[in-house]
Amino acid sequence: MTAQTGPVERSLGEAIAAFNAGRLDEAEASCRAALRERAGEPALLQLLAVICQKRGALDAARTAIEASLSRRPDHVASLLIAGRVAREAGELEAAARHFARAARLSPKSAEPAALLGTTLHALERTGEAIAALRSALNIDPTSAPVAHDLALALHSSGELETAGALLERAVECDPTFAAAWFRLGMVRQDQRQLERAATAYRRALSARSGYAEAAVNLGIVLQDAGNLEAALEAYRTAIAMRADTLGRIAQALSASSTGRVWLDPERLRRELST
């Protein structure tokens, strides 16, 4: 014999199916229908929070996940949802508290420590961020995103050698990781290793189409290296990708001894558009 499916289970199944298909209004309606039958069920409240967050209804998401946590305060997945909702709402201190609790409850999982670390970095609590991200990377040494995030925190604290090594590790783990290539370019640029910086920016451009910031930075390092013609070609690429890079390009061109000064921005735009 097979167990009969009740109305709550049917509504839950419908909510999950609708959510996975991107039908968020339908998913929320089904989830709320299940909650009317089983008020206060923490798993249903957790699902409702995820649906509301996806819809951008952060107040409703917060209400749902807090109600879920009131019934199971040590549920790690719910703490992570609560942290993500708080972070998306700009409530970084609250997010850090949720992630810190999740990290304490799940010391062998890299995700809570990594989320805590990136949130602490956003709060400019750099030393704590580095400690949390180191912990996450020790748990999952092959995680390219964690290596990248730790490198960001180290870069901001001036630890360029270690940051560069971690970014090399990140792109070795994931050669398509455009943001890690871009940050590696920035680190090498700060170290005045211009050829290595240019290589990293080129890899960022290969990994992500339309990466205008990488094209601008490539132009800057080529210009600093004395290769103005190649720099102008990189700037042309950046302008073609995103027109609003013109101001930064004009500033870069005028700031270097190998650059040029354009008094007429439109003339510069025309020249870089040819």
C-alpha atoms as a PDB file:
ATOM      1  CA  MET A   1       0.000   0.000   0.000  1.00  0.00           C
ATOM      2  CA  THR A   2       1.116   3.575  -0.595  1.00  0.00           C
ATOM      3  CA  ALA A   3       0.493   6.367   1.859  1.00  0.00           C
ATOM      4  CA  GLN A   4      -2.162   8.834   0.860  1.00  0.00           C
ATOM      5  CA  THR A   5      -1.056  12.364   0.050  1.00  0.00           C
ATOM      6  CA  GLY A   6      -2.778  14.931   2.238  1.00  0.00           C
ATOM      7  CA  PRO A   7      -3.620  18.544   1.378  1.00  0.00           C
ATOM      8  CA  VAL A   8      -0.511  19.915   3.085  1.00  0.00           C
ATOM      9  CA  GLU A   9       1.806  17.581   1.196  1.00  0.00           C
ATOM     10  CA  ARG A  10       0.041  18.375  -2.079  1.00  0.00           C
ATOM     11  CA  SER A  11       0.341  22.130  -1.472  1.00  0.00           C
ATOM     12  CA  LEU A  12       3.994  21.748  -0.495  1.00  0.00           C
ATOM     13  CA  GLY A  13       4.739  19.748  -3.620  1.00  0.00           C
ATOM     14  CA  GLU A  14       2.933  22.297  -5.766  1.00  0.00           C
ATOM     15  CA  ALA A  15       4.853  25.141  -4.112  1.00  0.00           C
ATOM     16  CA  ILE A  16       8.216  23.484  -4.753  1.00  0.00           C
ATOM     17  CA  ALA A  17       7.320  22.638  -8.355  1.00  0.00           C
ATOM     18  CA  ALA A  18       6.126  26.188  -9.030  1.00  0.00           C
ATOM     19  CA  PHE A  19       9.234  27.682  -7.396  1.00  0.00           C
ATOM     20  CA  ASN A  20      11.551  25.493  -9.455  1.00  0.00           C
ATOM     21  CA  ALA A  21       9.667  26.554 -12.589  1.00  0.00           C
ATOM     22  CA  GLY A  22       9.986  30.235 -11.693  1.00  0.00           C
ATOM     23  CA  ARG A  23       6.257  30.727 -11.022  1.00  0.00           C
ATOM     24  CA  LEU A  24       6.810  32.595  -7.778  1.00  0.00           C
ATOM     25  CA  ASP A  25       3.294  33.964  -7.206  1.00  0.00           C
ATOM     26  CA  GLU A  26       1.892  30.458  -7.588  1.00  0.00           C
ATOM     27  CA  ALA A  27       4.601  29.050  -5.316  1.00  0.00           C
ATOM     28  CA  GLU A  28       3.791  31.547  -2.584  1.00  0.00           C
ATOM     29  CA  ALA A  29       0.047  30.891  -2.846  1.00  0.00           C
ATOM     30  CA  SER A  30       0.570  27.130  -2.518  1.00  0.00           C
ATOM     31  CA  CYS A  31       2.919  27.589   0.434  1.00  0.00           C
ATOM     32  CA  ARG A  32       0.496  29.862   2.240  1.00  0.00           C
ATOM     33  CA  ALA A  33      -2.302  27.359   1.562  1.00  0.00           C
ATOM     34  CA  ALA A  34      -0.226  24.662   3.250  1.00  0.00           C
ATOM     35  CA  LEU A  35       0.431  26.988   6.204  1.00  0.00           C
ATOM     36  CA  ARG A  36      -3.295  27.514   6.677  1.00  0.00           C
ATOM     37  CA  GLU A  37      -3.589  23.777   7.190  1.00  0.00           C
ATOM     38  CA  ARG A  38      -0.462  23.504   9.322  1.00  0.00           C
ATOM     39  CA  ALA A  39       0.188  26.875  10.918  1.00  0.00           C
ATOM     40  CA  GLY A  40       3.662  27.448  12.258  1.00  0.00           C
ATOM     41  CA  GLU A  41       5.281  24.499  10.476  1.00  0.00           C
ATOM     42  CA  PRO A  42       8.962  25.570  10.371  1.00  0.00           C
ATOM     43  CA  ALA A  43       9.804  23.829   7.091  1.00  0.00           C
ATOM     44  CA  LEU A  44       6.894  25.569   5.365  1.00  0.00           C
ATOM     45  CA  LEU A  45       7.909  28.904   6.849  1.00  0.00           C
ATOM     46  CA  GLN A  46      11.473  28.317   5.632  1.00  0.00           C
ATOM     47  CA  LEU A  47      10.214  27.651   2.110  1.00  0.00           C
ATOM     48  CA  LEU A  48       7.982  30.718   2.250  1.00  0.00           C
ATOM     49  CA  ALA A  49      10.995  32.823   3.258  1.00  0.00           C
ATOM     50  CA  VAL A  50      12.983  31.559   0.264  1.00  0.00           C
ATOM     51  CA  ILE A  51      10.084  32.293  -2.095  1.00  0.00           C
ATOM     52  CA  CYS A  52       9.562  35.794  -0.706  1.00  0.00           C
ATOM     53  CA  GLN A  53      13.279  36.554  -0.888  1.00  0.00           C
ATOM     54  CA  LYS A  54      13.345  35.451  -4.513  1.00  0.00           C
ATOM     55  CA  ARG A  55      10.411  37.776  -5.202  1.00  0.00           C
ATOM     56  CA  GLY A  56      12.217  40.663  -3.515  1.00  0.00           C
ATOM     57  CA  ALA A  57       9.672  40.836  -0.677  1.00  0.00           C
ATOM     58  CA  LEU A  58      12.319  41.049   2.034  1.00  0.00           C
ATOM     59  CA  ASP A  59      10.020  42.093   4.900  1.00  0.00           C
ATOM     60  CA  ALA A  60       7.805  39.072   4.282  1.00  0.00           C
ATOM     61  CA  ALA A  61      10.887  36.857   3.950  1.00  0.00           C
ATOM     62  CA  ARG A  62      12.259  38.142   7.261  1.00  0.00           C
ATOM     63  CA  THR A  63       8.938  37.567   9.031  1.00  0.00           C
ATOM     64  CA  ALA A  64       8.714  33.991   7.717  1.00  0.00           C
ATOM     65  CA  ILE A  65      12.276  32.960   8.526  1.00  0.00           C
ATOM     66  CA  GLU A  66      12.163  34.517  11.984  1.00  0.00           C
ATOM     67  CA  ALA A  67       8.972  32.558  12.698  1.00  0.00           C
ATOM     68  CA  SER A  68      10.684  29.394  11.467  1.00  0.00           C
ATOM     69  CA  LEU A  69      13.750  30.044  13.645  1.00  0.00           C
ATOM     70  CA  SER A  70      11.577  30.663  16.696  1.00  0.00           C
ATOM     71  CA  ARG A  71      10.594  26.976  16.447  1.00  0.00           C
ATOM     72  CA  ARG A  72      14.027  25.582  15.596  1.00  0.00           C
ATOM     73  CA  PRO A  73      16.667  28.183  16.479  1.00  0.00           C
ATOM     74  CA  ASP A  74      19.590  25.873  15.768  1.00  0.00           C
ATOM     75  CA  HIS A  75      18.574  24.941  12.222  1.00  0.00           C
ATOM     76  CA  VAL A  76      21.639  25.846  10.167  1.00  0.00           C
ATOM     77  CA  ALA A  77      19.918  26.108   6.775  1.00  0.00           C
ATOM     78  CA  SER A  78      17.349  28.515   8.228  1.00  0.00           C
ATOM     79  CA  LEU A  79      20.086  30.611   9.847  1.00  0.00           C
ATOM     80  CA  LEU A  80      21.801  30.922   6.472  1.00  0.00           C
ATOM     81  CA  ILE A  81      18.539  32.024   4.850  1.00  0.00           C
ATOM     82  CA  ALA A  82      17.992  34.559   7.628  1.00  0.00           C
ATOM     83  CA  GLY A  83      21.528  35.865   7.109  1.00  0.00           C
ATOM     84  CA  ARG A  84      21.095  36.179   3.354  1.00  0.00           C
ATOM     85  CA  VAL A  85      17.775  38.003   3.760  1.00  0.00           C
ATOM     86  CA  ALA A  86      19.323  40.409   6.272  1.00  0.00           C
ATOM     87  CA  ARG A  87      22.354  41.015   4.048  1.00  0.00           C
ATOM     88  CA  GLU A  88      20.183  41.681   1.010  1.00  0.00           C
ATOM     89  CA  ALA A  89      18.211  44.177   3.101  1.00  0.00           C
ATOM     90  CA  GLY A  90      21.444  45.944   4.050  1.00  0.00           C
ATOM     91  CA  GLU A  91      21.278  44.752   7.660  1.00  0.00           C
ATOM     92  CA  LEU A  92      24.863  43.555   7.814  1.00  0.00           C
ATOM     93  CA  GLU A  93      25.211  43.298  11.587  1.00  0.00           C
ATOM     94  CA  ALA A  94      22.121  41.074  11.787  1.00  0.00           C
ATOM     95  CA  ALA A  95      23.432  38.993   8.874  1.00  0.00           C
ATOM     96  CA  ALA A  96      26.773  38.534  10.632  1.00  0.00           C
ATOM     97  CA  ARG A  97      25.027  37.315  13.791  1.00  0.00           C
ATOM     98  CA  HIS A  98      23.053  34.685  11.862  1.00  0.00           C
ATOM     99  CA  PHE A  99      26.100  33.504   9.924  1.00  0.00           C
ATOM    100  CA  ALA A 100      28.247  33.400  13.085  1.00  0.00           C
ATOM    101  CA  ARG A 101      25.675  31.212  14.842  1.00  0.00           C
ATOM    102  CA  ALA A 102      25.481  28.916  11.825  1.00  0.00           C
ATOM    103  CA  ALA A 103      29.281  28.673  11.733  1.00  0.00           C
ATOM    104  CA  ARG A 104      29.406  27.712  15.430  1.00  0.00           C
ATOM    105  CA  LEU A 105      26.722  25.067  14.932  1.00  0.00           C
ATOM    106  CA  SER A 106      28.314  23.650  11.794  1.00  0.00           C
ATOM    107  CA  PRO A 107      32.096  23.922  12.262  1.00  0.00           C
ATOM    108  CA  LYS A 108      32.866  21.421   9.502  1.00  0.00           C
ATOM    109  CA  SER A 109      30.914  23.312   6.830  1.00  0.00           C
ATOM    110  CA  ALA A 110      32.705  25.979   4.799  1.00  0.00           C
ATOM    111  CA  GLU A 111      29.571  27.867   3.711  1.00  0.00           C
ATOM    112  CA  PRO A 112      28.622  29.553   7.033  1.00  0.00           C
ATOM    113  CA  ALA A 113      32.221  30.645   7.683  1.00  0.00           C
ATOM    114  CA  ALA A 114      32.567  31.973   4.127  1.00  0.00           C
ATOM    115  CA  LEU A 115      29.327  33.937   4.347  1.00  0.00           C
ATOM    116  CA  LEU A 116      30.368  35.295   7.717  1.00  0.00           C
ATOM    117  CA  GLY A 117      33.730  36.324   6.314  1.00  0.00           C
ATOM    118  CA  THR A 118      32.332  38.224   3.335  1.00  0.00           C
ATOM    119  CA  THR A 119      29.807  39.973   5.584  1.00  0.00           C
ATOM    120  CA  LEU A 120      32.491  40.987   8.090  1.00  0.00           C
ATOM    121  CA  HIS A 121      34.574  42.315   5.195  1.00  0.00           C
ATOM    122  CA  ALA A 122      31.605  44.420   4.063  1.00  0.00           C
ATOM    123  CA  LEU A 123      31.428  45.733   7.636  1.00  0.00           C
ATOM    124  CA  GLU A 124      35.139  46.655   7.360  1.00  0.00           C
ATOM    125  CA  ARG A 125      35.982  44.252  10.179  1.00  0.00           C
ATOM    126  CA  THR A 126      38.862  43.020   8.073  1.00  0.00           C
ATOM    127  CA  GLY A 127      40.819  41.041  10.655  1.00  0.00           C
ATOM    128  CA  GLU A 128      37.744  39.058  11.672  1.00  0.00           C
ATOM    129  CA  ALA A 129      36.827  38.585   8.020  1.00  0.00           C
ATOM    130  CA  ILE A 130      40.245  37.141   7.217  1.00  0.00           C
ATOM    131  CA  ALA A 131      40.013  34.723  10.162  1.00  0.00           C
ATOM    132  CA  ALA A 132      36.558  33.499   9.100  1.00  0.00           C
ATOM    133  CA  LEU A 133      37.562  33.103   5.462  1.00  0.00           C
ATOM    134  CA  ARG A 134      40.767  31.274   6.411  1.00  0.00           C
ATOM    135  CA  SER A 135      38.620  28.883   8.420  1.00  0.00           C
ATOM    136  CA  ALA A 136      36.337  28.346   5.414  1.00  0.00           C
ATOM    137  CA  LEU A 137      39.295  27.719   3.105  1.00  0.00           C
ATOM    138  CA  ASN A 138      40.816  25.231   5.558  1.00  0.00           C
ATOM    139  CA  ILE A 139      37.540  23.313   5.452  1.00  0.00           C
ATOM    140  CA  ASP A 140      37.284  23.456   1.651  1.00  0.00           C
ATOM    141  CA  PRO A 141      40.778  24.058   0.188  1.00  0.00           C
ATOM    142  CA  THR A 142      39.566  23.656  -3.432  1.00  0.00           C
ATOM    143  CA  SER A 143      36.911  26.387  -3.258  1.00  0.00           C
ATOM    144  CA  ALA A 144      37.779  29.068  -5.818  1.00  0.00           C
ATOM    145  CA  PRO A 145      35.135  31.519  -4.488  1.00  0.00           C
ATOM    146  CA  VAL A 146      36.455  31.265  -0.915  1.00  0.00           C
ATOM    147  CA  ALA A 147      40.052  31.733  -2.080  1.00  0.00           C
ATOM    148  CA  HIS A 148      38.892  34.784  -4.063  1.00  0.00           C
ATOM    149  CA  ASP A 149      37.012  36.286  -1.119  1.00  0.00           C
ATOM    150  CA  LEU A 150      39.928  35.752   1.249  1.00  0.00           C
ATOM    151  CA  ALA A 151      42.237  37.371  -1.306  1.00  0.00           C
ATOM    152  CA  LEU A 152      39.930  40.414  -1.446  1.00  0.00           C
ATOM    153  CA  ALA A 153      40.165  40.849   2.309  1.00  0.00           C
ATOM    154  CA  LEU A 154      43.937  40.395   2.271  1.00  0.00           C
ATOM    155  CA  HIS A 155      44.296  42.817  -0.654  1.00  0.00           C
ATOM    156  CA  SER A 156      42.386  45.479   1.249  1.00  0.00           C
ATOM    157  CA  SER A 157      44.715  44.989   4.223  1.00  0.00           C
ATOM    158  CA  GLY A 158      47.810  45.353   2.017  1.00  0.00           C
ATOM    159  CA  GLU A 159      48.916  41.702   2.039  1.00  0.00           C
ATOM    160  CA  LEU A 160      49.595  41.631  -1.702  1.00  0.00           C
ATOM    161  CA  GLU A 161      51.824  38.565  -1.947  1.00  0.00           C
ATOM    162  CA  THR A 162      49.398  36.311  -0.108  1.00  0.00           C
ATOM    163  CA  ALA A 163      46.429  37.784  -1.953  1.00  0.00           C
ATOM    164  CA  GLY A 164      48.109  37.160  -5.294  1.00  0.00           C
ATOM    165  CA  ALA A 165      48.963  33.570  -4.384  1.00  0.00           C
ATOM    166  CA  LEU A 166      45.367  32.892  -3.370  1.00  0.00           C
ATOM    167  CA  LEU A 167      44.038  34.355  -6.599  1.00  0.00           C
ATOM    168  CA  GLU A 168      46.439  32.220  -8.612  1.00  0.00           C
ATOM    169  CA  ARG A 169      45.027  29.287  -6.677  1.00  0.00           C
ATOM    170  CA  ALA A 170      41.462  30.383  -7.429  1.00  0.00           C
ATOM    171  CA  VAL A 171      41.999  30.638 -11.191  1.00  0.00           C
ATOM    172  CA  GLU A 172      43.877  27.337 -11.202  1.00  0.00           C
ATOM    173  CA  CYS A 173      40.802  25.727  -9.624  1.00  0.00           C
ATOM    174  CA  ASP A 174      38.472  27.579 -12.009  1.00  0.00           C
ATOM    175  CA  PRO A 175      40.109  29.091 -15.111  1.00  0.00           C
ATOM    176  CA  THR A 176      36.758  30.668 -16.112  1.00  0.00           C
ATOM    177  CA  PHE A 177      36.538  32.707 -12.879  1.00  0.00           C
ATOM    178  CA  ALA A 178      36.547  36.180 -14.439  1.00  0.00           C
ATOM    179  CA  ALA A 179      36.297  38.130 -11.159  1.00  0.00           C
ATOM    180  CA  ALA A 180      39.345  36.306  -9.780  1.00  0.00           C
ATOM    181  CA  TRP A 181      41.363  37.090 -12.923  1.00  0.00           C
ATOM    182  CA  PHE A 182      40.300  40.734 -12.612  1.00  0.00           C
ATOM    183  CA  ARG A 183      41.321  40.955  -8.952  1.00  0.00           C
ATOM    184  CA  LEU A 184      44.586  39.210  -9.752  1.00  0.00           C
ATOM    185  CA  GLY A 185      45.227  41.931 -12.322  1.00  0.00           C
ATOM    186  CA  MET A 186      44.590  44.573  -9.653  1.00  0.00           C
ATOM    187  CA  VAL A 187      46.999  42.911  -7.218  1.00  0.00           C
ATOM    188  CA  ARG A 188      49.736  42.614  -9.859  1.00  0.00           C
ATOM    189  CA  GLN A 189      49.082  46.217 -10.871  1.00  0.00           C
ATOM    190  CA  ASP A 190      49.541  47.346  -7.267  1.00  0.00           C
ATOM    191  CA  GLN A 191      52.799  45.378  -7.212  1.00  0.00           C
ATOM    192  CA  ARG A 192      53.858  47.180 -10.415  1.00  0.00           C
ATOM    193  CA  GLN A 193      54.089  43.833 -12.205  1.00  0.00           C
ATOM    194  CA  LEU A 194      52.529  45.304 -15.328  1.00  0.00           C
ATOM    195  CA  GLU A 195      53.035  42.416 -17.729  1.00  0.00           C
ATOM    196  CA  ARG A 196      51.483  39.946 -15.306  1.00  0.00           C
ATOM    197  CA  ALA A 197      48.637  42.398 -14.646  1.00  0.00           C
ATOM    198  CA  ALA A 198      47.959  42.718 -18.382  1.00  0.00           C
ATOM    199  CA  THR A 199      47.873  38.933 -18.742  1.00  0.00           C
ATOM    200  CA  ALA A 200      45.353  38.649 -15.908  1.00  0.00           C
ATOM    201  CA  TYR A 201      43.094  41.349 -17.385  1.00  0.00           C
ATOM    202  CA  ARG A 202      43.202  39.631 -20.780  1.00  0.00           C
ATOM    203  CA  ARG A 203      42.146  36.377 -19.120  1.00  0.00           C
ATOM    204  CA  ALA A 204      39.293  38.208 -17.379  1.00  0.00           C
ATOM    205  CA  LEU A 205      38.132  39.517 -20.762  1.00  0.00           C
ATOM    206  CA  SER A 206      38.299  36.030 -22.239  1.00  0.00           C
ATOM    207  CA  ALA A 207      36.326  34.592 -19.346  1.00  0.00           C
ATOM    208  CA  ARG A 208      33.522  37.172 -19.362  1.00  0.00           C
ATOM    209  CA  SER A 209      32.156  38.886 -22.442  1.00  0.00           C
ATOM    210  CA  GLY A 210      31.518  42.601 -22.027  1.00  0.00           C
ATOM    211  CA  TYR A 211      33.840  42.975 -19.019  1.00  0.00           C
ATOM    212  CA  ALA A 212      34.412  46.697 -19.581  1.00  0.00           C
ATOM    213  CA  GLU A 213      36.250  47.286 -16.299  1.00  0.00           C
ATOM    214  CA  ALA A 214      38.869  44.721 -17.298  1.00  0.00           C
ATOM    215  CA  ALA A 215      39.341  46.421 -20.681  1.00  0.00           C
ATOM    216  CA  VAL A 216      39.849  49.811 -19.010  1.00  0.00           C
ATOM    217  CA  ASN A 217      42.355  48.409 -16.529  1.00  0.00           C
ATOM    218  CA  LEU A 218      44.167  46.591 -19.323  1.00  0.00           C
ATOM    219  CA  GLY A 219      44.501  49.918 -21.112  1.00  0.00           C
ATOM    220  CA  ILE A 220      45.869  51.572 -17.991  1.00  0.00           C
ATOM    221  CA  VAL A 221      48.599  48.971 -17.409  1.00  0.00           C
ATOM    222  CA  LEU A 222      49.567  48.976 -21.087  1.00  0.00           C
ATOM    223  CA  GLN A 223      49.760  52.774 -20.970  1.00  0.00           C
ATOM    224  CA  ASP A 224      51.868  52.634 -17.798  1.00  0.00           C
ATOM    225  CA  ALA A 225      54.161  50.179 -19.568  1.00  0.00           C
ATOM    226  CA  GLY A 226      54.655  52.716 -22.361  1.00  0.00           C
ATOM    227  CA  ASN A 227      52.589  50.928 -25.005  1.00  0.00           C
ATOM    228  CA  LEU A 228      50.109  53.683 -25.853  1.00  0.00           C
ATOM    229  CA  GLU A 229      48.827  52.202 -29.104  1.00  0.00           C
ATOM    230  CA  ALA A 230      47.916  48.921 -27.435  1.00  0.00           C
ATOM    231  CA  ALA A 231      46.368  50.892 -24.563  1.00  0.00           C
ATOM    232  CA  LEU A 232      44.176  52.848 -26.991  1.00  0.00           C
ATOM    233  CA  GLU A 233      43.012  49.578 -28.523  1.00  0.00           C
ATOM    234  CA  ALA A 234      42.009  48.329 -25.070  1.00  0.00           C
ATOM    235  CA  TYR A 235      40.184  51.601 -24.427  1.00  0.00           C
ATOM    236  CA  ARG A 236      38.344  51.200 -27.750  1.00  0.00           C
ATOM    237  CA  THR A 237      37.225  47.774 -26.582  1.00  0.00           C
ATOM    238  CA  ALA A 238      35.993  49.230 -23.292  1.00  0.00           C
ATOM    239  CA  ILE A 239      34.034  52.020 -25.011  1.00  0.00           C
ATOM    240  CA  ALA A 240      32.428  49.501 -27.357  1.00  0.00           C
ATOM    241  CA  MET A 241      31.374  47.438 -24.361  1.00  0.00           C
ATOM    242  CA  ARG A 242      30.108  50.318 -22.224  1.00  0.00           C
ATOM    243  CA  ALA A 243      29.976  53.963 -23.235  1.00  0.00           C
ATOM    244  CA  ASP A 244      30.143  55.279 -19.662  1.00  0.00           C
ATOM    245  CA  THR A 245      33.771  54.189 -19.332  1.00  0.00           C
ATOM    246  CA  LEU A 246      34.790  57.323 -21.253  1.00  0.00           C
ATOM    247  CA  GLY A 247      35.323  59.472 -18.151  1.00  0.00           C
ATOM    248  CA  ARG A 248      37.687  57.001 -16.510  1.00  0.00           C
ATOM    249  CA  ILE A 249      39.562  56.530 -19.775  1.00  0.00           C
ATOM    250  CA  ALA A 250      39.977  60.291 -20.262  1.00  0.00           C
ATOM    251  CA  GLN A 251      41.299  60.606 -16.703  1.00  0.00           C
ATOM    252  CA  ALA A 252      43.740  57.727 -17.225  1.00  0.00           C
ATOM    253  CA  LEU A 253      45.024  59.170 -20.493  1.00  0.00           C
ATOM    254  CA  SER A 254      45.699  62.572 -18.965  1.00  0.00           C
ATOM    255  CA  ALA A 255      47.271  61.211 -15.771  1.00  0.00           C
ATOM    256  CA  SER A 256      50.161  59.337 -17.362  1.00  0.00           C
ATOM    257  CA  SER A 257      53.372  60.712 -18.874  1.00  0.00           C
ATOM    258  CA  THR A 258      52.753  58.449 -21.872  1.00  0.00           C
ATOM    259  CA  GLY A 259      49.168  59.624 -22.321  1.00  0.00           C
ATOM    260  CA  ARG A 260      47.424  62.456 -24.090  1.00  0.00           C
ATOM    261  CA  VAL A 261      45.045  65.199 -23.048  1.00  0.00           C
ATOM    262  CA  TRP A 262      41.718  65.664 -24.835  1.00  0.00           C
ATOM    263  CA  LEU A 263      39.952  68.907 -24.021  1.00  0.00           C
ATOM    264  CA  ASP A 264      36.899  67.769 -25.965  1.00  0.00           C
ATOM    265  CA  PRO A 265      35.418  64.516 -24.564  1.00  0.00           C
ATOM    266  CA  GLU A 266      33.340  64.019 -27.710  1.00  0.00           C
ATOM    267  CA  ARG A 267      36.442  64.148 -29.866  1.00  0.00           C
ATOM    268  CA  LEU A 268      37.999  61.490 -27.641  1.00  0.00           C
ATOM    269  CA  ARG A 269      34.848  59.370 -27.912  1.00  0.00           C
ATOM    270  CA  ARG A 270      34.939  59.657 -31.717  1.00  0.00           C
ATOM    271  CA  GLU A 271      38.598  58.701 -31.864  1.00  0.00           C
ATOM    272  CA  LEU A 272      38.082  55.667 -29.648  1.00  0.00           C
ATOM    273  CA  SER A 273      34.998  54.636 -31.608  1.00  0.00           C
ATOM    274  CA  THR A 274      36.851  54.378 -34.917  1.00  0.00           C
END
